[in-house]
């Protein structure tokens, strides 16, 4: 499997970015609060050093499922939660299982594109929208790792697995249980599947 770093340019950001922010920012903050075992006051930075909200993985395995032959958007928002600015200098794709994903990129709080030449600096409480497209050529499972290069202490490269199941155009939204990639054995599953797959043991 060869690594991929494909960039898709020219697509509009604004509506997609806003929709992702509304859907994901609250969920990521609640996740951080739950994992930390304490209430999270989003009005104040949570740490002095660069800190970010992070969804551990992205799932497209519920209705509406991605459709074969179409460009299906996938994305997330990463929010700066520390007193020191979060810096994102690159985004890339790795281990694309079926070569189905293309990367639009990361957009900073002022609409700028984050890159190694021009990293994005994100002060609290601003965020970065990261967008990619799933364009499957056939029905089935897809997997890729979205890597985000940051200045987070000890987490210079954030790796976010992306799992999806694509259907044919006229097919109902039903996920096939067989053929799931080994890399996604414990991701985007129900509690029953999590236990049956031997996850967490």
Protein backbone atom coordinates (compact mmCIF):
# COMPACT_ATOMS: atom_id res chain seq x y z
CA UNK A 1 0.00 0.00 0.00
CA UNK A 2 1.53 3.31 -1.03
CA UNK A 3 1.08 6.48 0.98
CA UNK A 4 -0.94 9.22 -0.63
CA UNK A 5 -0.97 12.96 -0.21
CA UNK A 6 -3.50 14.23 -2.71
CA UNK A 7 -4.71 17.82 -2.59
CA UNK A 8 -8.02 18.96 -4.00
CA UNK A 9 -8.26 22.68 -4.66
CA UNK A 10 -10.88 25.18 -5.66
CA UNK A 11 -13.96 23.85 -3.82
CA UNK A 12 -15.91 26.36 -1.67
CA UNK A 13 -15.16 26.28 2.05
CA UNK A 14 -17.68 28.43 3.89
CA UNK A 15 -20.93 26.42 4.13
CA UNK A 16 -19.16 23.12 4.56
CA UNK A 17 -16.90 24.59 7.25
CA UNK A 18 -19.83 26.10 9.14
CA UNK A 19 -21.81 22.85 9.02
CA UNK A 20 -18.85 20.84 10.29
CA UNK A 21 -18.25 23.30 13.10
CA UNK A 22 -21.85 23.17 14.28
CA UNK A 23 -21.90 19.37 14.16
CA UNK A 24 -18.51 18.63 15.64
CA UNK A 25 -17.22 21.30 18.01
CA UNK A 26 -19.67 20.61 20.83
CA UNK A 27 -19.12 16.86 20.46
CA UNK A 28 -15.35 17.21 20.73
CA UNK A 29 -15.58 19.41 23.81
CA UNK A 30 -17.95 16.95 25.48
CA UNK A 31 -15.54 14.15 24.60
CA UNK A 32 -12.66 16.00 26.24
CA UNK A 33 -14.77 16.64 29.33
CA UNK A 34 -15.82 12.99 29.59
CA UNK A 35 -12.27 11.72 29.13
CA UNK A 36 -10.92 14.15 31.69
CA UNK A 37 -13.51 13.25 34.30
CA UNK A 38 -14.28 16.87 35.04
CA UNK A 39 -16.38 19.76 33.76
CA UNK A 40 -14.79 21.73 30.94
CA UNK A 41 -15.23 25.51 30.99
CA UNK A 42 -14.96 26.42 27.31
CA UNK A 43 -14.80 30.13 28.17
CA UNK A 44 -11.24 29.72 29.47
CA UNK A 45 -8.19 27.94 28.01
CA UNK A 46 -7.84 24.50 29.57
CA UNK A 47 -3.99 24.50 29.66
CA UNK A 48 -1.08 26.91 29.23
CA UNK A 49 0.64 24.96 26.42
CA UNK A 50 -0.91 24.44 22.96
CA UNK A 51 -3.96 22.22 23.34
CA UNK A 52 -6.62 21.07 20.89
CA UNK A 53 -9.96 19.35 20.80
CA UNK A 54 -9.75 16.14 18.79
CA UNK A 55 -12.21 13.60 17.50
CA UNK A 56 -10.37 10.24 17.81
CA UNK A 57 -11.77 8.93 14.51
CA UNK A 58 -14.22 9.90 11.76
CA UNK A 59 -17.07 7.61 10.70
CA UNK A 60 -19.27 7.50 7.60
CA UNK A 61 -21.08 4.27 8.43
CA UNK A 62 -24.58 5.56 9.19
CA UNK A 63 -27.32 6.99 6.97
CA UNK A 64 -26.89 8.71 4.65
CA UNK A 65 -24.06 6.47 3.48
CA UNK A 66 -21.50 7.66 0.90
CA UNK A 67 -22.53 6.82 -2.66
CA UNK A 68 -20.35 5.13 -5.27
CA UNK A 69 -19.31 7.42 -8.12
CA UNK A 70 -19.98 10.63 -6.20
CA UNK A 71 -17.83 13.04 -4.23
CA UNK A 72 -18.80 12.58 -0.57
CA UNK A 73 -17.45 15.20 1.88
CA UNK A 74 -15.86 14.16 5.17
CA UNK A 75 -14.40 16.58 7.67
CA UNK A 76 -13.78 17.72 11.19
CA UNK A 77 -13.02 20.87 13.19
CA UNK A 78 -10.01 21.12 15.52
CA UNK A 79 -10.35 23.85 18.14
CA UNK A 80 -7.51 25.58 19.96
CA UNK A 81 -8.03 25.16 23.73
CA UNK A 82 -4.69 26.34 25.20
CA UNK A 83 -3.33 29.74 26.21
CA UNK A 84 -0.44 29.21 23.79
CA UNK A 85 -1.47 29.26 20.14
CA UNK A 86 -2.08 26.03 18.25
CA UNK A 87 -0.05 25.84 15.02
CA UNK A 88 -1.00 23.53 12.14
CA UNK A 89 1.63 23.31 9.41
CA UNK A 90 0.44 20.43 7.23
CA UNK A 91 -2.32 17.91 6.61
CA UNK A 92 -1.89 14.71 4.61
CA UNK A 93 -3.43 11.31 3.92
CA UNK A 94 -1.75 7.98 4.60
CA UNK A 95 -2.63 4.32 4.03
CA UNK A 96 -5.61 4.92 1.74
CA UNK A 97 -7.05 1.39 1.53
CA UNK A 98 -8.70 1.71 -1.90
CA UNK A 99 -7.24 5.01 -3.10
CA UNK A 100 -10.69 6.56 -2.65
CA UNK A 101 -9.89 9.74 -0.69
CA UNK A 102 -8.66 13.15 -1.79
CA UNK A 103 -7.62 15.96 0.51
CA UNK A 104 -9.08 19.44 0.27
CA UNK A 105 -6.90 20.68 3.12
CA UNK A 106 -7.14 22.69 6.33
CA UNK A 107 -8.64 26.17 6.55
CA UNK A 108 -7.59 28.49 9.36
CA UNK A 109 -9.80 30.96 11.26
CA UNK A 110 -9.24 33.74 8.68
CA UNK A 111 -9.95 31.47 5.73
CA UNK A 112 -6.27 30.85 5.02
CA UNK A 113 -5.00 27.46 3.83
CA UNK A 114 -2.61 25.76 6.28
CA UNK A 115 0.60 24.49 4.68
CA UNK A 116 4.28 23.90 5.39
CA UNK A 117 5.03 27.18 3.59
CA UNK A 118 2.36 29.10 5.53
CA UNK A 119 1.36 27.38 8.79
CA UNK A 120 -1.90 28.40 10.46
CA UNK A 121 -1.67 29.96 13.91
CA UNK A 122 -4.87 29.40 15.88
CA UNK A 123 -5.41 31.31 19.13
CA UNK A 124 -7.98 30.22 21.72
CA UNK A 125 -10.87 29.68 21.03
CA UNK A 126 -10.59 29.67 17.23
CA UNK A 127 -10.52 26.53 15.11
CA UNK A 128 -9.37 24.91 11.89
CA UNK A 129 -11.66 23.03 9.50
CA UNK A 130 -10.09 19.97 7.87
CA UNK A 131 -11.86 18.62 4.79
CA UNK A 132 -11.44 15.63 2.51
CA UNK A 133 -13.55 13.84 -0.05
CA UNK A 134 -14.44 10.17 -0.40
CA UNK A 135 -14.93 9.23 -4.06
CA UNK A 136 -15.43 5.44 -4.09
CA UNK A 137 -15.38 3.61 -7.41
CA UNK A 138 -17.12 0.52 -6.03
CA UNK A 139 -19.31 -0.55 -3.13
CA UNK A 140 -17.53 -1.48 0.10
CA UNK A 141 -15.35 -0.41 2.99
CA UNK A 142 -12.81 2.41 2.90
CA UNK A 143 -10.14 3.45 5.35
CA UNK A 144 -7.53 6.20 5.44
CA UNK A 145 -5.46 7.96 8.11
CA UNK A 146 -5.71 11.74 8.21
CA UNK A 147 -2.49 13.19 9.62
CA UNK A 148 -2.35 16.73 11.01
CA UNK A 149 1.08 18.23 11.75
CA UNK A 150 0.93 20.47 14.84
CA UNK A 151 2.99 22.07 17.61
CA UNK A 152 1.23 20.05 20.33
CA UNK A 153 3.77 18.80 22.91
CA UNK A 154 4.27 15.07 22.36
CA UNK A 155 1.68 15.01 19.56
CA UNK A 156 3.45 16.65 16.66
CA UNK A 157 1.52 14.45 14.22
CA UNK A 158 -2.13 13.79 15.04
CA UNK A 159 -3.40 10.67 13.27
CA UNK A 160 -7.17 10.48 12.79
CA UNK A 161 -8.50 7.25 11.25
CA UNK A 162 -11.37 7.67 8.79
CA UNK A 163 -13.75 4.73 8.25
CA UNK A 164 -16.54 4.61 5.66
CA UNK A 165 -18.87 2.18 3.92
CA UNK A 166 -20.09 3.20 0.47
CA UNK A 167 -23.25 1.98 -1.22
CA UNK A 168 -24.49 1.83 -4.81
CA UNK A 169 -26.76 4.75 -5.86
CA UNK A 170 -30.15 3.02 -5.53
CA UNK A 171 -29.21 0.78 -2.61
CA UNK A 172 -30.71 1.25 0.89
CA UNK A 173 -28.51 2.59 3.69
CA UNK A 174 -27.38 -0.79 4.99
CA UNK A 175 -23.80 -1.44 6.10
CA UNK A 176 -22.33 -4.80 5.15
CA UNK A 177 -20.89 -6.54 8.20
CA UNK A 178 -18.28 -8.53 6.29
CA UNK A 179 -15.15 -7.13 4.70
CA UNK A 180 -14.43 -4.53 7.38
CA UNK A 181 -10.71 -3.57 7.24
CA UNK A 182 -8.55 -4.93 10.06
CA UNK A 183 -7.45 -1.35 10.81
CA UNK A 184 -11.08 -0.46 11.57
CA UNK A 185 -11.96 -3.55 13.58
CA UNK A 186 -12.61 -1.50 16.73
CA UNK A 187 -13.66 1.81 15.13
CA UNK A 188 -17.14 3.02 14.24
CA UNK A 189 -18.81 -0.06 15.73
CA UNK A 190 -21.70 -0.67 18.12
CA UNK A 191 -21.03 -1.77 21.68
CA UNK A 192 -22.03 -5.31 20.72
CA UNK A 193 -19.61 -5.32 17.77
CA UNK A 194 -16.89 -3.81 19.97
CA UNK A 195 -17.18 -6.73 22.38
CA UNK A 196 -17.59 -9.37 19.68
CA UNK A 197 -14.47 -8.14 17.87
CA UNK A 198 -12.40 -8.50 21.02
CA UNK A 199 -11.77 -4.78 21.34
CA UNK A 200 -10.67 -3.24 24.60
CA UNK A 201 -9.26 -6.48 25.97
